[in-house]
Protein backbone atom coordinates (compact mmCIF):
# COMPACT_ATOMS: atom_id res chain seq x y z
CA MET A 1 51.73 135.07 -5.47
CA ILE A 2 51.23 136.18 -9.08
CA THR A 3 53.86 138.67 -10.26
CA ILE A 4 54.33 140.45 -13.55
CA ASP A 5 57.60 138.52 -13.99
CA SER A 6 55.83 135.16 -13.69
CA ILE A 7 53.24 136.30 -16.26
CA ARG A 8 56.03 137.25 -18.68
CA GLU A 9 57.79 133.90 -18.27
CA PRO A 10 56.16 132.03 -21.22
CA VAL A 11 57.07 134.80 -23.69
CA LEU A 12 60.43 136.08 -22.42
CA LYS A 13 62.18 135.48 -25.76
CA GLU A 14 59.41 137.23 -27.66
CA LEU A 15 59.56 140.21 -25.28
CA GLU A 16 63.33 140.37 -25.67
CA ALA A 17 62.84 140.52 -29.45
CA TYR A 18 60.34 143.33 -28.96
CA GLU A 19 62.69 145.32 -26.70
CA ALA A 20 65.52 144.95 -29.22
CA PHE A 21 63.14 146.18 -31.93
CA ILE A 22 62.24 149.26 -29.85
CA GLU A 23 65.90 150.03 -29.15
CA ARG A 24 66.73 149.96 -32.86
CA GLN A 25 63.85 152.22 -33.84
CA PHE A 26 63.94 154.99 -31.23
CA THR A 27 67.33 156.63 -31.47
CA SER A 28 68.39 160.04 -32.71
CA ASP A 29 71.57 161.77 -33.83
CA GLY A 30 70.71 164.71 -31.59
CA GLU A 31 72.22 164.36 -28.11
CA LEU A 32 69.34 166.03 -26.24
CA LEU A 33 66.62 164.15 -28.11
CA ASN A 34 68.48 160.88 -27.61
CA THR A 35 68.66 161.58 -23.87
CA MET A 36 64.97 162.46 -23.76
CA LEU A 37 64.04 159.27 -25.64
CA HIS A 38 66.17 157.16 -23.30
CA GLU A 39 64.49 158.64 -20.21
CA ALA A 40 61.00 158.29 -21.67
CA LEU A 41 61.51 154.67 -22.69
CA ALA A 42 63.06 153.81 -19.32
CA ALA A 43 59.92 155.10 -17.57
CA ARG A 44 57.46 152.86 -19.44
CA GLY A 45 56.54 150.86 -16.36
CA LYS A 46 55.24 147.29 -16.40
CA GLY A 47 54.54 147.16 -20.14
CA ILE A 48 51.05 145.70 -19.82
CA ARG A 49 50.06 146.59 -23.38
CA PRO A 50 53.01 145.03 -25.26
CA LEU A 51 52.79 142.02 -22.93
CA LEU A 52 49.13 141.68 -23.88
CA VAL A 53 50.03 141.86 -27.59
CA VAL A 54 52.68 139.17 -27.29
CA LEU A 55 50.64 136.79 -25.09
CA SER A 56 47.66 137.13 -27.42
CA ALA A 57 49.87 136.43 -30.41
CA ALA A 58 51.43 133.38 -28.75
CA MET A 59 48.04 131.98 -27.75
CA ASN A 60 46.61 132.45 -31.25
CA ALA A 61 49.69 131.49 -33.29
CA ARG A 62 49.39 128.46 -35.55
CA SER A 63 53.08 127.61 -35.20
CA ARG A 64 55.48 127.77 -32.28
CA GLY A 65 57.68 130.86 -32.28
CA ALA A 66 55.42 132.96 -34.51
CA ALA A 67 54.89 135.47 -31.71
CA GLY A 68 58.57 136.37 -31.86
CA GLY A 69 58.32 137.74 -35.39
CA GLN A 70 58.75 141.36 -36.42
CA ARG A 71 55.03 141.78 -37.15
CA VAL A 72 54.20 141.09 -33.49
CA SER A 73 57.01 143.40 -32.29
CA LEU A 74 55.63 146.11 -34.58
CA ALA A 75 52.12 145.73 -33.12
CA ALA A 76 53.51 145.85 -29.58
CA MET A 77 55.52 148.98 -30.41
CA LEU A 78 52.57 150.77 -31.99
CA VAL A 79 50.31 150.35 -28.95
CA GLU A 80 53.02 151.08 -26.38
CA MET A 81 54.24 154.27 -28.04
CA ILE A 82 50.69 155.59 -28.37
CA HIS A 83 50.26 154.93 -24.66
CA LEU A 84 53.61 156.50 -23.77
CA THR A 85 52.79 159.62 -25.76
CA SER A 86 49.46 159.96 -23.96
CA LEU A 87 51.22 159.76 -20.57
CA ILE A 88 53.76 162.44 -21.52
CA HIS A 89 50.99 164.76 -22.66
CA ASP A 90 48.87 163.95 -19.56
CA ASP A 91 51.74 165.00 -17.30
CA VAL A 92 51.97 168.31 -19.13
CA ILE A 93 48.22 168.92 -18.83
CA ASP A 94 48.20 167.93 -15.14
CA GLU A 95 51.48 169.77 -14.44
CA SER A 96 52.74 166.55 -12.86
CA ASP A 97 56.35 166.39 -11.71
CA THR A 98 56.51 162.61 -11.29
CA ARG A 99 55.57 159.51 -13.26
CA ARG A 100 55.82 156.15 -11.48
CA GLY A 101 58.12 157.62 -8.87
CA ARG A 102 60.50 159.15 -11.45
CA PRO A 103 60.72 162.75 -12.62
CA SER A 104 58.29 163.26 -15.50
CA ALA A 105 59.35 164.62 -18.88
CA ASN A 106 57.45 167.74 -17.87
CA ALA A 107 59.68 168.14 -14.79
CA LEU A 108 62.94 167.29 -16.57
CA TRP A 109 62.59 169.48 -19.65
CA GLN A 110 59.58 171.76 -19.01
CA SER A 111 56.26 171.55 -20.76
CA HIS A 112 57.16 172.78 -24.25
CA LYS A 113 59.97 170.25 -24.71
CA ALA A 114 57.84 167.49 -23.16
CA VAL A 115 55.05 168.18 -25.68
CA LEU A 116 57.56 168.06 -28.53
CA LEU A 117 58.98 164.78 -27.19
CA GLY A 118 55.50 163.27 -27.18
CA ASP A 119 54.89 164.58 -30.69
CA TYR A 120 58.20 163.13 -31.91
CA ILE A 121 57.50 159.68 -30.43
CA LEU A 122 54.03 159.61 -31.97
CA ALA A 123 55.27 160.79 -35.38
CA ARG A 124 58.15 158.30 -35.34
CA ASN A 125 55.77 155.54 -34.30
CA LEU A 126 53.44 156.21 -37.23
CA SER A 127 56.36 156.55 -39.65
CA ILE A 128 57.78 153.16 -38.65
CA GLY A 129 54.36 151.58 -38.99
CA LEU A 130 53.74 153.00 -42.46
CA GLU A 131 57.25 152.16 -43.68
CA SER A 132 56.72 148.55 -42.58
CA GLY A 133 53.88 148.11 -45.07
CA GLN A 134 51.76 146.35 -42.43
CA PHE A 135 48.79 148.58 -43.17
CA ASP A 136 46.20 146.30 -41.57
CA LEU A 137 47.96 146.57 -38.18
CA VAL A 138 48.65 150.28 -38.51
CA SER A 139 45.02 151.02 -39.39
CA HIS A 140 43.68 148.71 -36.66
CA ILE A 141 45.85 150.18 -33.89
CA CYS A 142 46.27 153.83 -34.83
CA GLY A 143 42.55 154.26 -35.40
CA ARG A 144 42.23 154.31 -31.60
CA MET A 145 44.32 157.45 -31.09
CA ALA A 146 41.32 159.73 -31.54
CA THR A 147 39.38 157.66 -29.00
CA LEU A 148 41.98 158.44 -26.29
CA ALA A 149 41.66 162.16 -26.94
CA GLU A 150 37.86 161.93 -26.89
CA GLY A 151 38.04 160.35 -23.45
CA GLU A 152 40.27 163.10 -22.09
CA ILE A 153 38.03 165.84 -23.47
CA LEU A 154 34.90 164.18 -22.10
CA GLN A 155 36.49 163.80 -18.67
CA SER A 156 37.59 167.43 -18.64
CA ASP A 157 34.12 168.60 -19.66
CA CYS A 158 32.36 166.48 -17.03
CA ALA A 159 34.77 167.72 -14.35
CA ALA A 160 34.23 171.36 -15.31
CA ARG A 161 30.43 171.03 -15.27
CA HIS A 162 30.23 168.53 -12.36
CA SER A 163 28.02 166.44 -14.63
CA MET A 164 29.60 163.02 -14.20
CA THR A 165 27.20 160.08 -14.28
CA ARG A 166 27.96 156.37 -14.18
CA SER A 167 27.28 156.16 -17.90
CA SER A 168 29.70 158.98 -18.72
CA TYR A 169 32.30 157.56 -16.30
CA LEU A 170 32.19 154.17 -18.00
CA ASP A 171 32.37 155.84 -21.42
CA ILE A 172 35.42 157.83 -20.32
CA ILE A 173 37.38 154.88 -18.94
CA TYR A 174 36.50 152.83 -22.02
CA LYS A 175 37.92 155.52 -24.28
CA LYS A 176 40.92 156.43 -22.12
CA THR A 177 42.05 152.94 -21.10
CA ALA A 178 39.97 149.97 -22.20
CA SER A 179 39.94 150.75 -25.92
CA LEU A 180 43.73 150.60 -26.20
CA LEU A 181 43.99 147.39 -24.17
CA GLY A 182 41.31 145.91 -26.42
CA VAL A 183 43.32 146.89 -29.48
CA SER A 184 46.49 145.45 -27.88
CA ALA A 185 44.89 142.04 -27.43
CA SER A 186 43.24 142.00 -30.85
CA ALA A 187 46.36 143.26 -32.63
CA GLY A 188 48.37 140.38 -31.18
CA ALA A 189 45.87 137.91 -32.60
CA MET A 190 45.72 139.74 -35.92
CA ALA A 191 49.52 139.81 -36.20
CA VAL A 192 49.67 136.00 -36.33
CA GLY A 193 46.74 135.51 -38.68
CA ALA A 194 43.97 134.55 -36.25
CA THR A 195 40.42 134.34 -37.57
CA ARG A 196 38.17 137.38 -37.44
CA ASP A 197 36.12 135.78 -34.65
CA LYS A 198 39.24 135.21 -32.54
CA VAL A 199 40.43 138.76 -33.14
CA THR A 200 37.03 140.06 -32.01
CA THR A 201 37.04 137.87 -28.91
CA MET A 202 40.52 139.09 -27.97
CA ARG A 203 39.39 142.69 -28.40
CA ARG A 204 36.48 142.10 -26.03
CA PHE A 205 38.82 140.39 -23.58
CA GLY A 206 41.24 143.33 -23.65
CA GLU A 207 38.44 145.83 -23.21
CA ALA A 208 37.06 144.00 -20.16
CA LEU A 209 40.56 143.82 -18.72
CA GLY A 210 41.06 147.51 -19.45
CA MET A 211 37.85 148.50 -17.68
CA ALA A 212 38.98 146.51 -14.63
CA PHE A 213 42.44 148.09 -14.86
CA GLN A 214 41.09 151.64 -14.74
CA VAL A 215 38.59 151.00 -11.94
CA ARG A 216 41.44 149.45 -9.95
CA ASP A 217 43.55 152.53 -10.67
CA ASP A 218 40.75 154.74 -9.36
CA LEU A 219 40.49 152.59 -6.24
CA LEU A 220 44.23 152.85 -5.64
CA ASP A 221 43.92 156.62 -5.42
CA TYR A 222 41.92 156.06 -2.23
CA THR A 223 43.78 153.07 -0.84
CA SER A 224 47.47 153.18 -1.75
CA SER A 225 50.41 155.54 -1.96
CA GLU A 226 52.46 153.14 -4.15
CA THR A 227 51.20 154.50 -7.47
CA GLY A 228 53.88 157.17 -7.83
CA LYS A 229 51.45 159.95 -6.94
CA PRO A 230 49.94 161.17 -3.65
CA MET A 231 46.77 159.58 -2.32
CA TYR A 232 43.53 161.41 -3.14
CA ASN A 233 45.12 163.14 -6.13
CA ASP A 234 41.91 162.67 -8.13
CA LEU A 235 40.01 164.62 -5.48
CA ARG A 236 42.59 167.42 -5.54
CA GLU A 237 42.15 167.63 -9.30
CA GLY A 238 38.37 167.68 -9.01
CA LYS A 239 37.94 164.30 -10.73
CA ILE A 240 34.86 162.21 -10.02
CA THR A 241 35.78 158.55 -10.30
CA LEU A 242 33.65 155.54 -9.44
CA PRO A 243 34.27 155.44 -5.65
CA LEU A 244 33.05 159.03 -5.23
CA LEU A 245 30.37 158.58 -7.87
CA VAL A 246 28.77 155.82 -5.77
CA VAL A 247 28.39 158.27 -2.88
CA LEU A 248 26.99 160.98 -5.16
CA GLU A 249 24.46 158.56 -6.66
CA ARG A 250 23.07 157.78 -3.21
CA ALA A 251 22.74 161.44 -2.17
CA ASP A 252 19.62 163.55 -2.69
CA GLU A 253 19.85 166.68 -4.82
CA GLU A 254 20.71 169.02 -1.96
CA ARG A 255 23.32 166.69 -0.51
CA ARG A 256 24.88 166.11 -3.93
CA ALA A 257 25.23 169.87 -4.46
CA ALA A 258 26.96 170.19 -1.09
CA LEU A 259 29.34 167.34 -1.90
CA LEU A 260 30.22 168.84 -5.27
CA GLU A 261 30.93 172.14 -3.54
CA ARG A 262 33.34 170.34 -1.19
CA LEU A 263 34.95 168.68 -4.20
CA GLN A 264 35.61 172.07 -5.74
CA ALA A 265 37.27 173.13 -2.48
CA CYS A 266 39.62 170.13 -2.63
CA ARG A 267 41.96 172.00 -4.97
CA THR A 268 43.14 174.18 -2.09
CA ASP A 269 41.65 172.68 1.10
CA GLU A 270 43.17 169.48 2.49
CA GLY A 271 40.36 169.31 5.03
CA ALA A 272 37.85 168.94 2.20
CA VAL A 273 40.00 166.20 0.68
CA GLU A 274 40.05 164.21 3.91
CA GLU A 275 36.32 164.75 4.42
CA LEU A 276 35.35 163.40 1.00
CA ALA A 277 37.82 160.53 1.25
CA CYS A 278 36.23 159.54 4.57
CA LEU A 279 32.75 159.73 3.05
CA VAL A 280 33.84 157.46 0.19
CA ARG A 281 35.22 154.87 2.62
CA ASP A 282 32.21 155.01 4.95
CA GLY A 283 29.66 155.24 2.14
CA GLU A 284 30.72 151.95 0.57
CA GLY A 285 32.18 153.70 -2.47
CA LEU A 286 35.22 151.45 -2.34
CA VAL A 287 33.15 148.29 -1.82
CA GLU A 288 30.90 148.92 -4.81
CA ALA A 289 33.74 150.01 -7.07
CA GLU A 290 35.60 146.81 -6.14
CA ALA A 291 32.53 144.76 -7.09
CA VAL A 292 32.30 146.52 -10.47
CA MET A 293 35.98 145.82 -11.10
CA GLN A 294 35.60 142.14 -10.23
CA GLY A 295 32.69 141.91 -12.66
CA TYR A 296 34.93 143.05 -15.51
CA VAL A 297 37.68 140.63 -14.42
CA ALA A 298 35.19 137.75 -14.44
CA ARG A 299 34.06 138.78 -17.93
CA ALA A 300 37.65 138.79 -19.18
CA VAL A 301 38.40 135.35 -17.75
CA GLN A 302 35.16 133.97 -19.19
CA LEU A 303 36.17 135.10 -22.70
CA LEU A 304 39.48 133.25 -22.40
CA ALA A 305 37.56 129.99 -21.90
CA GLU A 306 36.97 129.98 -25.68
CA PHE A 307 40.65 129.20 -26.25
CA ASP A 308 42.55 125.94 -25.83
CA ASP A 309 44.52 125.44 -22.64
CA SER A 310 48.13 126.62 -22.96
CA PRO A 311 50.80 128.41 -20.91
CA TYR A 312 49.79 131.61 -22.72
CA ARG A 313 46.13 131.35 -21.79
CA THR A 314 47.16 130.64 -18.20
CA ALA A 315 49.40 133.71 -18.25
CA LEU A 316 46.49 135.85 -19.49
CA VAL A 317 44.25 134.51 -16.71
CA HIS A 318 47.01 135.38 -14.25
CA LEU A 319 47.24 138.84 -15.81
CA CYS A 320 43.57 139.35 -14.95
CA SER A 321 44.31 138.46 -11.32
CA PHE A 322 47.36 140.71 -11.31
CA VAL A 323 45.34 143.67 -12.56
CA ALA A 324 42.69 143.12 -9.88
CA GLU A 325 45.20 142.74 -7.03
CA ARG A 326 47.93 145.21 -7.95
CA SER A 327 48.97 147.84 -5.43
CA ARG A 328 50.50 150.28 -7.90
């Protein structure tokens, strides 16, 4: 069975260097802020994005050990802290009390302090990047921050107007998830001096992996309670993700209007939640969403075929399988 630990195995030393780099950079003289930083960093989860940076760097490096350098650690930090900030702010917006089974920053320190924590991490992240003088990496990675916000705004607008289409859904998950995974993979290659073509290929690989990652996440909301949040939470929040979208696409105009009305009721009516969840399961919403996800996984694996065989390429192939099979 493929585990995240087995995927990390070829780059354990490089990841240790990255973690040491993070620990040196994110400390504060203030006791409360230091506590908040410690809690936030401890809740980072599996670290898919920095792992992607380091594996990409190792696969593209011209010399052994180059992926353990400070430039790679900097790239991994930049993408991970942008991601962490987005999660802290998401929990405030969603009024979420948990994150991966732990109390969220929002729950621990209330929303105003959580927002300030996210702002501090983002500001510190940019400051470290600029002070490093690695302007190509900073520009390449931090240029995606606006894309994440665009995705959130588009999702909120579509939810409010019940106007989600497959095109807008794919655009949203590209901006919210896939774009940053694409930048993670390409930044790893860039950090070790890969050619422009290789950097572009790694970006496309990361984006395909990111699309699969988000579709899998949306599937888990209907199929698993191991994600750190209750099942059907997307329905309770009025979110239309791919499994429900499949059902809506197959409904006539009158039926679609009725389903959207039930979705609106999901905020307060558990009966409506169970009804729509049942319709998604019976209407092949899960089956089609799974097929879409597998298509992105196949695309990601196909792009890796352009690279020479190595333990790092194998680990990235295994990462694709892990993303597709994960239960949380």
